[in-house]
Amino acid sequence: MQSFMVKFDKIEKMRKQIILPAAILVVLIALTAFKPPKPTYPKNDILYSKYGGDVDLMMREERKKDSLARPYLYEVKKEDTTSVVDDLGDESVILEKADVMPMFPDGEKGLQEYIASNIVFLVDTLVGKKATVSVKFFVNKLGNAKNPVIVKSDNPSFNLQSIIIIENMPSWTPAKKNGKEVNCYVTLPIKYGQ
């Protein structure tokens, strides 16, 4: 029991020597807590003294004065709305019929040869089957075949191949209306296995 009392006395002595001063130090720091220094504004700052520290008011007023002194810095440039619109790439207007319809290079014969040469590359499972797929697309002013859509199909297995054939076509001669090149629709039946 005495050894226990000796250990207890040592702990009590240590508490008085170390813990008590540490606690006093913590209380002193808490009482005199760190406070940030007060902001010191430049006493010789003209704008600060003029506007009393109100930064928003200062910015508004100074911007007004600056815009009167240098209006060219604050001008909003208006775009010229009378500029000529490049209608070559405009595909918003597509005609169903034109004075001169779009023509494939080498005419109808060249078109049939192109289709026949591209049908050869069909998947093996479709060889020997017959189908007719009608594809509607338009030829733009540059002669490109664009936006193919299947209108009618006997066998949906051939639809993707038909779209690929149209998308890979060489440039056509664009349609003309009143002597100007125009976008024009073309409907093309593609026959497989016939």
N, C-alpha and C. Protein backbone atom coordinates (compact mmCIF):
# COMPACT_ATOMS: atom_id res chain seq x y z
N MET A 1 0.81 -1.17 0.00
CA MET A 1 0.00 0.00 0.00
C MET A 1 0.87 1.25 0.00
N GLN A 2 2.00 1.15 0.66
CA GLN A 2 2.89 2.30 0.69
C GLN A 2 3.43 2.64 -0.69
N SER A 3 3.73 1.62 -1.47
CA SER A 3 4.24 1.89 -2.82
C SER A 3 3.19 2.60 -3.66
N PHE A 4 1.96 2.24 -3.41
CA PHE A 4 0.88 2.91 -4.14
C PHE A 4 0.81 4.37 -3.73
N MET A 5 0.96 4.66 -2.46
CA MET A 5 0.91 6.03 -1.97
C MET A 5 2.08 6.85 -2.49
N VAL A 6 3.23 6.21 -2.65
CA VAL A 6 4.40 6.90 -3.16
C VAL A 6 4.16 7.30 -4.61
N LYS A 7 3.61 6.38 -5.37
CA LYS A 7 3.32 6.68 -6.78
C LYS A 7 2.28 7.79 -6.88
N PHE A 8 1.28 7.76 -6.03
CA PHE A 8 0.24 8.76 -6.04
C PHE A 8 0.81 10.14 -5.70
N ASP A 9 1.72 10.20 -4.76
CA ASP A 9 2.36 11.45 -4.38
C ASP A 9 3.18 12.02 -5.53
N LYS A 10 3.85 11.12 -6.26
CA LYS A 10 4.65 11.57 -7.41
C LYS A 10 3.76 12.17 -8.49
N ILE A 11 2.65 11.53 -8.72
CA ILE A 11 1.71 12.04 -9.74
C ILE A 11 1.15 13.38 -9.30
N GLU A 12 0.81 13.51 -8.03
CA GLU A 12 0.27 14.76 -7.51
C GLU A 12 1.30 15.87 -7.61
N LYS A 13 2.54 15.55 -7.31
CA LYS A 13 3.62 16.53 -7.38
C LYS A 13 3.83 16.97 -8.84
N MET A 14 3.77 16.01 -9.78
CA MET A 14 3.96 16.32 -11.19
C MET A 14 2.81 17.20 -11.70
N ARG A 15 1.63 16.92 -11.20
CA ARG A 15 0.47 17.70 -11.61
C ARG A 15 0.64 19.15 -11.18
N LYS A 16 1.12 19.36 -10.00
CA LYS A 16 1.30 20.72 -9.49
C LYS A 16 2.42 21.44 -10.23
N GLN A 17 3.45 20.72 -10.64
CA GLN A 17 4.59 21.36 -11.28
C GLN A 17 4.38 21.60 -12.78
N ILE A 18 3.65 20.72 -13.45
CA ILE A 18 3.55 20.83 -14.91
C ILE A 18 2.14 21.23 -15.35
N ILE A 19 1.16 20.51 -14.89
CA ILE A 19 -0.19 20.70 -15.41
C ILE A 19 -0.76 22.04 -14.98
N LEU A 20 -0.57 22.44 -13.73
CA LEU A 20 -1.10 23.70 -13.25
C LEU A 20 -0.53 24.90 -14.02
N PRO A 21 0.77 25.00 -14.25
CA PRO A 21 1.28 26.12 -15.04
C PRO A 21 0.78 26.11 -16.49
N ALA A 22 0.63 24.89 -17.04
CA ALA A 22 0.13 24.81 -18.42
C ALA A 22 -1.29 25.31 -18.51
N ALA A 23 -2.12 24.96 -17.53
CA ALA A 23 -3.51 25.40 -17.51
C ALA A 23 -3.59 26.92 -17.36
N ILE A 24 -2.72 27.47 -16.51
CA ILE A 24 -2.70 28.92 -16.34
C ILE A 24 -2.30 29.61 -17.64
N LEU A 25 -1.34 29.05 -18.33
CA LEU A 25 -0.91 29.61 -19.62
C LEU A 25 -2.04 29.59 -20.64
N VAL A 26 -2.79 28.51 -20.70
CA VAL A 26 -3.92 28.40 -21.64
C VAL A 26 -4.98 29.44 -21.32
N VAL A 27 -5.28 29.65 -20.04
CA VAL A 27 -6.28 30.64 -19.63
C VAL A 27 -5.81 32.04 -20.00
N LEU A 28 -4.54 32.34 -19.79
CA LEU A 28 -4.01 33.66 -20.15
C LEU A 28 -4.12 33.91 -21.65
N ILE A 29 -3.81 32.90 -22.44
CA ILE A 29 -3.90 33.05 -23.91
C ILE A 29 -5.35 33.27 -24.32
N ALA A 30 -6.27 32.54 -23.68
CA ALA A 30 -7.69 32.69 -24.01
C ALA A 30 -8.19 34.08 -23.65
N LEU A 31 -7.75 34.62 -22.52
CA LEU A 31 -8.20 35.95 -22.11
C LEU A 31 -7.65 37.06 -23.00
N THR A 32 -6.45 36.88 -23.47
CA THR A 32 -5.85 37.90 -24.33
C THR A 32 -5.87 37.43 -25.78
N ALA A 33 -6.90 36.72 -26.16
CA ALA A 33 -6.99 36.05 -27.46
C ALA A 33 -6.41 36.91 -28.58
N PHE A 34 -5.85 36.22 -29.55
CA PHE A 34 -5.26 36.91 -30.69
C PHE A 34 -6.34 37.64 -31.46
N LYS A 35 -6.14 38.87 -31.67
CA LYS A 35 -7.08 39.66 -32.45
C LYS A 35 -6.32 40.21 -33.65
N PRO A 36 -6.94 40.08 -34.84
CA PRO A 36 -6.25 40.61 -36.01
C PRO A 36 -6.13 42.12 -35.90
N PRO A 37 -5.10 42.65 -36.47
CA PRO A 37 -4.95 44.12 -36.39
C PRO A 37 -6.04 44.81 -37.18
N LYS A 38 -6.42 45.96 -36.74
CA LYS A 38 -7.42 46.74 -37.45
C LYS A 38 -6.86 47.14 -38.81
N PRO A 39 -7.73 47.09 -39.84
CA PRO A 39 -7.22 47.47 -41.16
C PRO A 39 -6.80 48.93 -41.17
N THR A 40 -5.65 49.15 -41.70
CA THR A 40 -5.15 50.52 -41.81
C THR A 40 -5.23 50.93 -43.27
N TYR A 41 -6.19 51.75 -43.56
CA TYR A 41 -6.35 52.22 -44.94
C TYR A 41 -5.35 53.34 -45.17
N PRO A 42 -4.92 53.47 -46.40
CA PRO A 42 -3.97 54.55 -46.68
C PRO A 42 -4.62 55.90 -46.40
N LYS A 43 -4.00 56.65 -45.55
CA LYS A 43 -4.57 57.94 -45.18
C LYS A 43 -4.48 58.95 -46.31
N ASN A 44 -3.56 58.73 -47.20
CA ASN A 44 -3.37 59.69 -48.29
C ASN A 44 -4.09 59.27 -49.57
N ASP A 45 -4.91 58.20 -49.51
CA ASP A 45 -5.62 57.73 -50.69
C ASP A 45 -6.79 58.67 -50.98
N ILE A 46 -6.72 59.34 -52.11
CA ILE A 46 -7.73 60.35 -52.46
C ILE A 46 -9.10 59.72 -52.64
N LEU A 47 -9.16 58.57 -53.37
CA LEU A 47 -10.45 57.95 -53.62
C LEU A 47 -11.08 57.44 -52.33
N TYR A 48 -10.27 56.92 -51.42
CA TYR A 48 -10.81 56.41 -50.17
C TYR A 48 -11.38 57.55 -49.34
N SER A 49 -10.65 58.62 -49.27
CA SER A 49 -11.14 59.75 -48.47
C SER A 49 -12.35 60.41 -49.14
N LYS A 50 -12.41 60.40 -50.46
CA LYS A 50 -13.51 61.02 -51.19
C LYS A 50 -14.81 60.23 -51.02
N TYR A 51 -14.74 58.90 -51.08
CA TYR A 51 -15.94 58.06 -51.02
C TYR A 51 -16.14 57.39 -49.67
N GLY A 52 -15.34 57.70 -48.70
CA GLY A 52 -15.52 57.19 -47.34
C GLY A 52 -15.40 55.68 -47.23
N GLY A 53 -14.65 55.05 -48.10
CA GLY A 53 -14.44 53.60 -47.99
C GLY A 53 -15.47 52.76 -48.73
N ASP A 54 -16.49 53.39 -49.33
CA ASP A 54 -17.52 52.63 -50.07
C ASP A 54 -16.96 52.30 -51.46
N VAL A 55 -16.48 51.08 -51.60
CA VAL A 55 -15.80 50.68 -52.83
C VAL A 55 -16.78 50.62 -54.01
N ASP A 56 -18.02 50.12 -53.77
CA ASP A 56 -18.99 50.03 -54.86
C ASP A 56 -19.35 51.41 -55.40
N LEU A 57 -19.58 52.35 -54.50
CA LEU A 57 -19.88 53.72 -54.91
C LEU A 57 -18.70 54.30 -55.68
N MET A 58 -17.50 54.08 -55.17
CA MET A 58 -16.30 54.58 -55.83
C MET A 58 -16.20 54.03 -57.26
N MET A 59 -16.44 52.71 -57.44
CA MET A 59 -16.32 52.10 -58.78
C MET A 59 -17.36 52.68 -59.74
N ARG A 60 -18.61 52.83 -59.26
CA ARG A 60 -19.65 53.39 -60.13
C ARG A 60 -19.33 54.81 -60.57
N GLU A 61 -18.96 55.64 -59.62
CA GLU A 61 -18.70 57.05 -59.92
C GLU A 61 -17.47 57.21 -60.82
N GLU A 62 -16.43 56.48 -60.51
CA GLU A 62 -15.21 56.60 -61.31
C GLU A 62 -15.42 56.05 -62.72
N ARG A 63 -16.24 55.00 -62.85
CA ARG A 63 -16.54 54.47 -64.18
C ARG A 63 -17.32 55.50 -65.00
N LYS A 64 -18.26 56.19 -64.37
CA LYS A 64 -19.02 57.24 -65.06
C LYS A 64 -18.08 58.32 -65.58
N LYS A 65 -17.20 58.79 -64.70
CA LYS A 65 -16.26 59.84 -65.10
C LYS A 65 -15.35 59.37 -66.23
N ASP A 66 -14.89 58.14 -66.13
CA ASP A 66 -13.99 57.60 -67.15
C ASP A 66 -14.71 57.44 -68.48
N SER A 67 -15.98 57.03 -68.44
CA SER A 67 -16.72 56.85 -69.69
C SER A 67 -16.99 58.18 -70.38
N LEU A 68 -17.11 59.25 -69.60
CA LEU A 68 -17.28 60.58 -70.20
C LEU A 68 -15.96 61.09 -70.76
N ALA A 69 -14.88 60.80 -70.08
CA ALA A 69 -13.57 61.27 -70.53
C ALA A 69 -13.07 60.47 -71.73
N ARG A 70 -13.32 59.16 -71.75
CA ARG A 70 -12.85 58.28 -72.84
C ARG A 70 -13.99 57.40 -73.35
N PRO A 71 -14.94 57.97 -74.09
CA PRO A 71 -16.11 57.19 -74.52
C PRO A 71 -15.76 56.04 -75.47
N TYR A 72 -14.66 56.16 -76.20
CA TYR A 72 -14.28 55.11 -77.15
C TYR A 72 -13.98 53.78 -76.45
N LEU A 73 -13.63 53.83 -75.17
CA LEU A 73 -13.37 52.59 -74.43
C LEU A 73 -14.66 51.85 -74.07
N TYR A 74 -15.77 52.56 -74.05
CA TYR A 74 -17.03 51.98 -73.60
C TYR A 74 -18.04 51.80 -74.72
N GLU A 75 -17.65 52.07 -75.95
CA GLU A 75 -18.58 51.91 -77.06
C GLU A 75 -18.81 50.43 -77.34
N VAL A 76 -20.06 50.10 -77.60
CA VAL A 76 -20.40 48.74 -77.98
C VAL A 76 -20.52 48.75 -79.50
N LYS A 77 -19.67 47.96 -80.13
CA LYS A 77 -19.67 47.94 -81.59
C LYS A 77 -20.82 47.08 -82.09
N LYS A 78 -21.61 47.65 -82.99
CA LYS A 78 -22.73 46.93 -83.57
C LYS A 78 -22.25 46.24 -84.84
N GLU A 79 -22.69 45.00 -85.00
CA GLU A 79 -22.31 44.26 -86.20
C GLU A 79 -23.12 44.74 -87.38
N ASP A 80 -22.49 44.71 -88.52
CA ASP A 80 -23.14 45.13 -89.75
C ASP A 80 -24.15 44.06 -90.15
N THR A 81 -25.44 44.41 -90.08
CA THR A 81 -26.49 43.45 -90.40
C THR A 81 -26.77 43.39 -91.89
N THR A 82 -26.18 44.29 -92.66
CA THR A 82 -26.43 44.31 -94.09
C THR A 82 -25.42 43.46 -94.86
N SER A 83 -24.58 42.72 -94.13
CA SER A 83 -23.58 41.91 -94.83
C SER A 83 -24.25 40.80 -95.64
N VAL A 84 -23.58 40.41 -96.68
CA VAL A 84 -24.11 39.39 -97.56
C VAL A 84 -23.96 38.03 -96.88
N VAL A 85 -25.05 37.29 -96.81
CA VAL A 85 -25.03 35.97 -96.20
C VAL A 85 -24.51 34.97 -97.22
N ASP A 86 -23.58 34.15 -96.79
CA ASP A 86 -23.05 33.12 -97.66
C ASP A 86 -24.07 32.01 -97.75
N ASP A 87 -24.84 32.00 -98.83
CA ASP A 87 -25.89 31.00 -98.95
C ASP A 87 -25.40 29.70 -99.58
N LEU A 88 -24.11 29.59 -99.85
CA LEU A 88 -23.59 28.37 -100.45
C LEU A 88 -23.74 27.20 -99.49
N GLY A 89 -23.49 27.42 -98.21
CA GLY A 89 -23.60 26.36 -97.22
C GLY A 89 -24.97 26.30 -96.56
N ASP A 90 -25.90 27.15 -96.97
CA ASP A 90 -27.24 27.18 -96.38
C ASP A 90 -28.05 26.00 -96.89
N GLU A 91 -28.38 25.09 -95.97
CA GLU A 91 -29.14 23.90 -96.36
C GLU A 91 -30.52 23.91 -95.74
N SER A 92 -31.02 25.10 -95.41
CA SER A 92 -32.33 25.19 -94.78
C SER A 92 -33.45 25.11 -95.82
N VAL A 93 -33.15 25.47 -97.06
CA VAL A 93 -34.15 25.40 -98.13
C VAL A 93 -33.74 24.29 -99.09
N ILE A 94 -34.59 23.25 -99.16
CA ILE A 94 -34.31 22.13 -100.06
C ILE A 94 -35.55 21.94 -100.92
N LEU A 95 -35.36 21.99 -102.23
CA LEU A 95 -36.47 21.87 -103.16
C LEU A 95 -36.75 20.41 -103.51
N GLU A 96 -38.03 20.13 -103.82
CA GLU A 96 -38.41 18.79 -104.29
C GLU A 96 -38.12 18.67 -105.79
N LYS A 97 -38.36 19.75 -106.53
CA LYS A 97 -38.13 19.76 -107.98
C LYS A 97 -37.40 21.03 -108.36
N ALA A 98 -36.61 20.93 -109.41
CA ALA A 98 -35.87 22.09 -109.91
C ALA A 98 -35.95 22.09 -111.43
N ASP A 99 -35.54 23.20 -112.03
CA ASP A 99 -35.54 23.28 -113.50
C ASP A 99 -34.61 22.21 -114.08
N VAL A 100 -33.43 22.11 -113.51
CA VAL A 100 -32.47 21.08 -113.89
C VAL A 100 -32.18 20.26 -112.64
N MET A 101 -32.56 18.97 -112.66
CA MET A 101 -32.38 18.11 -111.49
C MET A 101 -30.91 17.72 -111.32
N PRO A 102 -30.51 17.32 -110.12
CA PRO A 102 -29.12 16.91 -109.90
C PRO A 102 -28.75 15.73 -110.80
N MET A 103 -27.49 15.70 -111.24
CA MET A 103 -27.07 14.62 -112.13
C MET A 103 -25.80 13.97 -111.60
N PHE A 104 -25.81 12.64 -111.60
CA PHE A 104 -24.64 11.87 -111.19
C PHE A 104 -23.59 11.97 -112.29
N PRO A 105 -22.29 11.92 -111.97
CA PRO A 105 -21.27 11.94 -113.02
C PRO A 105 -21.51 10.80 -114.01
N ASP A 106 -21.43 11.06 -115.27
CA ASP A 106 -21.70 10.11 -116.36
C ASP A 106 -23.17 9.70 -116.42
N GLY A 107 -24.04 10.50 -115.81
CA GLY A 107 -25.49 10.31 -115.95
C GLY A 107 -26.02 9.05 -115.31
N GLU A 108 -27.14 8.58 -115.85
CA GLU A 108 -27.84 7.41 -115.31
C GLU A 108 -26.99 6.15 -115.42
N LYS A 109 -26.24 6.04 -116.50
CA LYS A 109 -25.38 4.86 -116.70
C LYS A 109 -24.29 4.82 -115.60
N GLY A 110 -23.68 5.94 -115.34
CA GLY A 110 -22.64 6.03 -114.30
C GLY A 110 -23.20 5.71 -112.92
N LEU A 111 -24.45 6.14 -112.65
CA LEU A 111 -25.09 5.87 -111.37
C LEU A 111 -25.32 4.37 -111.21
N GLN A 112 -25.82 3.72 -112.24
CA GLN A 112 -26.07 2.27 -112.17
C GLN A 112 -24.76 1.49 -111.98
N GLU A 113 -23.69 1.93 -112.65
CA GLU A 113 -22.39 1.28 -112.49
C GLU A 113 -21.87 1.46 -111.06
N TYR A 114 -22.04 2.64 -110.51
CA TYR A 114 -21.59 2.91 -109.14
C TYR A 114 -22.32 2.00 -108.15
N ILE A 115 -23.64 1.94 -108.30
CA ILE A 115 -24.44 1.10 -107.39
C ILE A 115 -24.05 -0.37 -107.54
N ALA A 116 -23.92 -0.83 -108.78
CA ALA A 116 -23.56 -2.24 -109.02
C ALA A 116 -22.19 -2.56 -108.42
N SER A 117 -21.24 -1.65 -108.54
CA SER A 117 -19.90 -1.93 -108.01
C SER A 117 -19.87 -1.90 -106.48
N ASN A 118 -20.80 -1.18 -105.84
CA ASN A 118 -20.82 -1.12 -104.37
C ASN A 118 -21.69 -2.20 -103.74
N ILE A 119 -22.60 -2.79 -104.51
CA ILE A 119 -23.42 -3.89 -103.99
C ILE A 119 -22.56 -5.13 -103.78
N VAL A 120 -21.47 -5.25 -104.50
CA VAL A 120 -20.57 -6.40 -104.40
C VAL A 120 -20.07 -6.57 -102.97
N PHE A 121 -19.95 -5.49 -102.22
CA PHE A 121 -19.35 -5.53 -100.89
C PHE A 121 -20.35 -5.86 -99.78
N LEU A 122 -21.47 -6.47 -100.11
CA LEU A 122 -22.47 -6.83 -99.10
C LEU A 122 -21.98 -7.96 -98.22
N VAL A 123 -22.56 -8.06 -97.04
CA VAL A 123 -22.24 -9.15 -96.12
C VAL A 123 -22.67 -10.47 -96.74
N ASP A 124 -21.92 -11.54 -96.48
CA ASP A 124 -22.18 -12.85 -97.10
C ASP A 124 -23.59 -13.36 -96.85
N THR A 125 -24.18 -13.04 -95.71
CA THR A 125 -25.52 -13.56 -95.38
C THR A 125 -26.60 -12.95 -96.27
N LEU A 126 -26.32 -11.83 -96.89
CA LEU A 126 -27.32 -11.17 -97.74
C LEU A 126 -27.17 -11.53 -99.21
N VAL A 127 -26.11 -12.25 -99.56
CA VAL A 127 -25.88 -12.62 -100.96
C VAL A 127 -26.98 -13.57 -101.39
N GLY A 128 -27.54 -13.31 -102.56
CA GLY A 128 -28.59 -14.17 -103.11
C GLY A 128 -29.99 -13.71 -102.76
N LYS A 129 -30.15 -12.81 -101.82
CA LYS A 129 -31.47 -12.31 -101.46
C LYS A 129 -31.81 -11.14 -102.36
N LYS A 130 -33.12 -10.94 -102.58
CA LYS A 130 -33.58 -9.84 -103.44
C LYS A 130 -34.31 -8.81 -102.59
N ALA A 131 -34.11 -7.55 -102.94
CA ALA A 131 -34.79 -6.46 -102.23
C ALA A 131 -34.67 -5.18 -103.06
N THR A 132 -35.62 -4.30 -102.83
CA THR A 132 -35.55 -2.95 -103.40
C THR A 132 -35.70 -1.97 -102.24
N VAL A 133 -34.72 -1.06 -102.16
CA VAL A 133 -34.74 -0.07 -101.08
C VAL A 133 -34.76 1.31 -101.73
N SER A 134 -35.78 2.13 -101.40
CA SER A 134 -35.87 3.50 -101.92
C SER A 134 -35.27 4.44 -100.87
N VAL A 135 -34.27 5.22 -101.31
CA VAL A 135 -33.58 6.14 -100.42
C VAL A 135 -33.81 7.56 -100.91
N LYS A 136 -34.22 8.43 -99.97
CA LYS A 136 -34.40 9.85 -100.30
C LYS A 136 -33.27 10.62 -99.64
N PHE A 137 -32.62 11.46 -100.41
CA PHE A 137 -31.53 12.29 -99.91
C PHE A 137 -31.54 13.58 -100.69
N PHE A 138 -30.72 14.53 -100.29
CA PHE A 138 -30.65 15.74 -101.10
C PHE A 138 -29.22 15.99 -101.54
N VAL A 139 -29.12 16.61 -102.69
CA VAL A 139 -27.82 17.00 -103.23
C VAL A 139 -27.70 18.50 -102.98
N ASN A 140 -26.67 18.89 -102.22
CA ASN A 140 -26.53 20.31 -101.89
C ASN A 140 -25.88 21.08 -103.04
N LYS A 141 -25.67 22.35 -102.83
CA LYS A 141 -25.15 23.23 -103.88
C LYS A 141 -23.73 22.89 -104.28
N LEU A 142 -23.03 22.15 -103.40
CA LEU A 142 -21.66 21.72 -103.72
C LEU A 142 -21.64 20.36 -104.42
N GLY A 143 -22.83 19.72 -104.54
CA GLY A 143 -22.92 18.43 -105.22
C GLY A 143 -22.79 17.23 -104.29
N ASN A 144 -22.77 17.45 -102.99
CA ASN A 144 -22.64 16.33 -102.04
C ASN A 144 -24.00 15.73 -101.74
N ALA A 145 -24.07 14.40 -101.73
CA ALA A 145 -25.30 13.69 -101.34
C ALA A 145 -25.36 13.70 -99.81
N LYS A 146 -26.47 14.21 -99.27
CA LYS A 146 -26.55 14.39 -97.81
C LYS A 146 -27.86 13.85 -97.26
N ASN A 147 -27.82 13.48 -96.00
CA ASN A 147 -28.99 13.10 -95.21
C ASN A 147 -29.85 12.00 -95.86
N PRO A 148 -29.27 10.84 -96.12
CA PRO A 148 -30.09 9.76 -96.71
C PRO A 148 -31.08 9.20 -95.71
N VAL A 149 -32.31 8.98 -96.19
CA VAL A 149 -33.39 8.43 -95.37
C VAL A 149 -34.06 7.32 -96.16
N ILE A 150 -34.32 6.19 -95.51
CA ILE A 150 -35.01 5.09 -96.17
C ILE A 150 -36.49 5.42 -96.26
N VAL A 151 -37.02 5.46 -97.49
CA VAL A 151 -38.43 5.77 -97.70
C VAL A 151 -39.24 4.48 -97.73
N LYS A 152 -38.72 3.46 -98.44
CA LYS A 152 -39.42 2.19 -98.57
C LYS A 152 -38.37 1.09 -98.66
N SER A 153 -38.66 -0.04 -98.02
CA SER A 153 -37.69 -1.13 -98.04
C SER A 153 -38.41 -2.47 -98.00
N ASP A 154 -38.02 -3.38 -98.91
CA ASP A 154 -38.57 -4.74 -98.91
C ASP A 154 -37.93 -5.59 -97.81
N ASN A 155 -36.66 -5.31 -97.53
CA ASN A 155 -35.92 -6.10 -96.55
C ASN A 155 -35.03 -5.14 -95.73
N PRO A 156 -35.33 -4.94 -94.43
CA PRO A 156 -34.57 -3.99 -93.61
C PRO A 156 -33.08 -4.35 -93.48
N SER A 157 -32.71 -5.56 -93.82
CA SER A 157 -31.30 -5.95 -93.74
C SER A 157 -30.44 -5.16 -94.71
N PHE A 158 -31.05 -4.63 -95.75
CA PHE A 158 -30.31 -3.89 -96.77
C PHE A 158 -30.28 -2.39 -96.51
N ASN A 159 -30.98 -1.91 -95.48
CA ASN A 159 -31.09 -0.47 -95.23
C ASN A 159 -29.73 0.19 -94.96
N LEU A 160 -28.96 -0.40 -94.07
CA LEU A 160 -27.67 0.19 -93.73
C LEU A 160 -26.75 0.25 -94.95
N GLN A 161 -26.72 -0.83 -95.73
CA GLN A 161 -25.88 -0.86 -96.93
C GLN A 161 -26.31 0.25 -97.90
N SER A 162 -27.61 0.47 -98.03
CA SER A 162 -28.11 1.52 -98.94
C SER A 162 -27.66 2.90 -98.48
N ILE A 163 -27.72 3.14 -97.19
CA ILE A 163 -27.30 4.45 -96.66
C ILE A 163 -25.80 4.64 -96.89
N ILE A 164 -25.02 3.58 -96.69
CA ILE A 164 -23.57 3.67 -96.91
C ILE A 164 -23.27 3.97 -98.38
N ILE A 165 -24.01 3.35 -99.28
CA ILE A 165 -23.81 3.61 -100.72
C ILE A 165 -24.05 5.08 -101.03
N ILE A 166 -25.12 5.66 -100.46
CA ILE A 166 -25.44 7.07 -100.73
C ILE A 166 -24.38 7.99 -100.11
N GLU A 167 -23.99 7.72 -98.88
CA GLU A 167 -23.03 8.60 -98.20
C GLU A 167 -21.65 8.60 -98.86
N ASN A 168 -21.29 7.52 -99.53
CA ASN A 168 -19.97 7.43 -100.17
C ASN A 168 -19.97 7.81 -101.64
N MET A 169 -21.08 8.34 -102.13
CA MET A 169 -21.17 8.72 -103.54
C MET A 169 -20.22 9.85 -103.88
N PRO A 170 -19.71 9.84 -105.10
CA PRO A 170 -18.92 11.01 -105.54
C PRO A 170 -19.84 12.22 -105.73
N SER A 171 -19.26 13.37 -105.94
CA SER A 171 -20.05 14.60 -106.09
C SER A 171 -20.93 14.57 -107.33
N TRP A 172 -22.15 15.04 -107.15
CA TRP A 172 -23.10 15.16 -108.24
C TRP A 172 -22.96 16.56 -108.86
N THR A 173 -23.61 16.75 -109.99
CA THR A 173 -23.78 18.09 -110.54
C THR A 173 -25.03 18.64 -109.86
N PRO A 174 -24.94 19.77 -109.13
CA PRO A 174 -26.10 20.26 -108.37
C PRO A 174 -27.27 20.66 -109.27
N ALA A 175 -28.44 20.69 -108.66
CA ALA A 175 -29.65 21.11 -109.36
C ALA A 175 -29.60 22.62 -109.60
N LYS A 176 -30.36 23.07 -110.58
CA LYS A 176 -30.43 24.51 -110.88
C LYS A 176 -31.87 24.94 -111.01
N LYS A 177 -32.13 26.12 -110.44
CA LYS A 177 -33.44 26.75 -110.59
C LYS A 177 -33.20 28.21 -110.90
N ASN A 178 -33.78 28.69 -112.00
CA ASN A 178 -33.58 30.07 -112.46
C ASN A 178 -32.10 30.38 -112.64
N GLY A 179 -31.33 29.40 -113.09
CA GLY A 179 -29.91 29.59 -113.37
C GLY A 179 -29.01 29.53 -112.14
N LYS A 180 -29.58 29.35 -110.95
CA LYS A 180 -28.78 29.28 -109.72
C LYS A 180 -28.77 27.85 -109.19
N GLU A 181 -27.63 27.48 -108.62
CA GLU A 181 -27.53 26.15 -108.01
C GLU A 181 -28.36 26.13 -106.73
N VAL A 182 -29.12 25.05 -106.54
CA VAL A 182 -29.99 24.93 -105.37
C VAL A 182 -29.85 23.53 -104.76
N ASN A 183 -30.29 23.42 -103.51
CA ASN A 183 -30.36 22.11 -102.85
C ASN A 183 -31.62 21.42 -103.35
N CYS A 184 -31.53 20.14 -103.68
CA CYS A 184 -32.70 19.45 -104.25
C CYS A 184 -32.72 17.99 -103.81
N TYR A 185 -33.93 17.51 -103.49
CA TYR A 185 -34.10 16.12 -103.09
C TYR A 185 -34.02 15.18 -104.29
N VAL A 186 -33.52 13.98 -104.03
CA VAL A 186 -33.49 12.91 -105.02
C VAL A 186 -33.97 11.66 -104.32
N THR A 187 -34.87 10.91 -104.96
CA THR A 187 -35.26 9.61 -104.44
C THR A 187 -34.72 8.56 -105.39
N LEU A 188 -33.96 7.63 -104.83
CA LEU A 188 -33.25 6.65 -105.65
C LEU A 188 -33.61 5.24 -105.20
N PRO A 189 -34.19 4.42 -106.11
CA PRO A 189 -34.42 3.02 -105.76
C PRO A 189 -33.14 2.21 -106.01
N ILE A 190 -32.72 1.44 -105.01
CA ILE A 190 -31.54 0.59 -105.16
C ILE A 190 -32.03 -0.86 -105.12
N LYS A 191 -31.72 -1.59 -106.18
CA LYS A 191 -32.17 -2.98 -106.30
C LYS A 191 -31.05 -3.95 -105.99
N TYR A 192 -31.33 -4.89 -105.09
CA TYR A 192 -30.35 -5.89 -104.70
C TYR A 192 -30.77 -7.25 -105.26
N GLY A 193 -29.79 -7.98 -105.80
CA GLY A 193 -30.00 -9.35 -106.27
C GLY A 193 -30.85 -9.45 -107.51
N GLN A 194 -30.86 -8.44 -108.32
CA GLN A 194 -31.69 -8.48 -109.55
C GLN A 194 -30.88 -8.16 -110.77
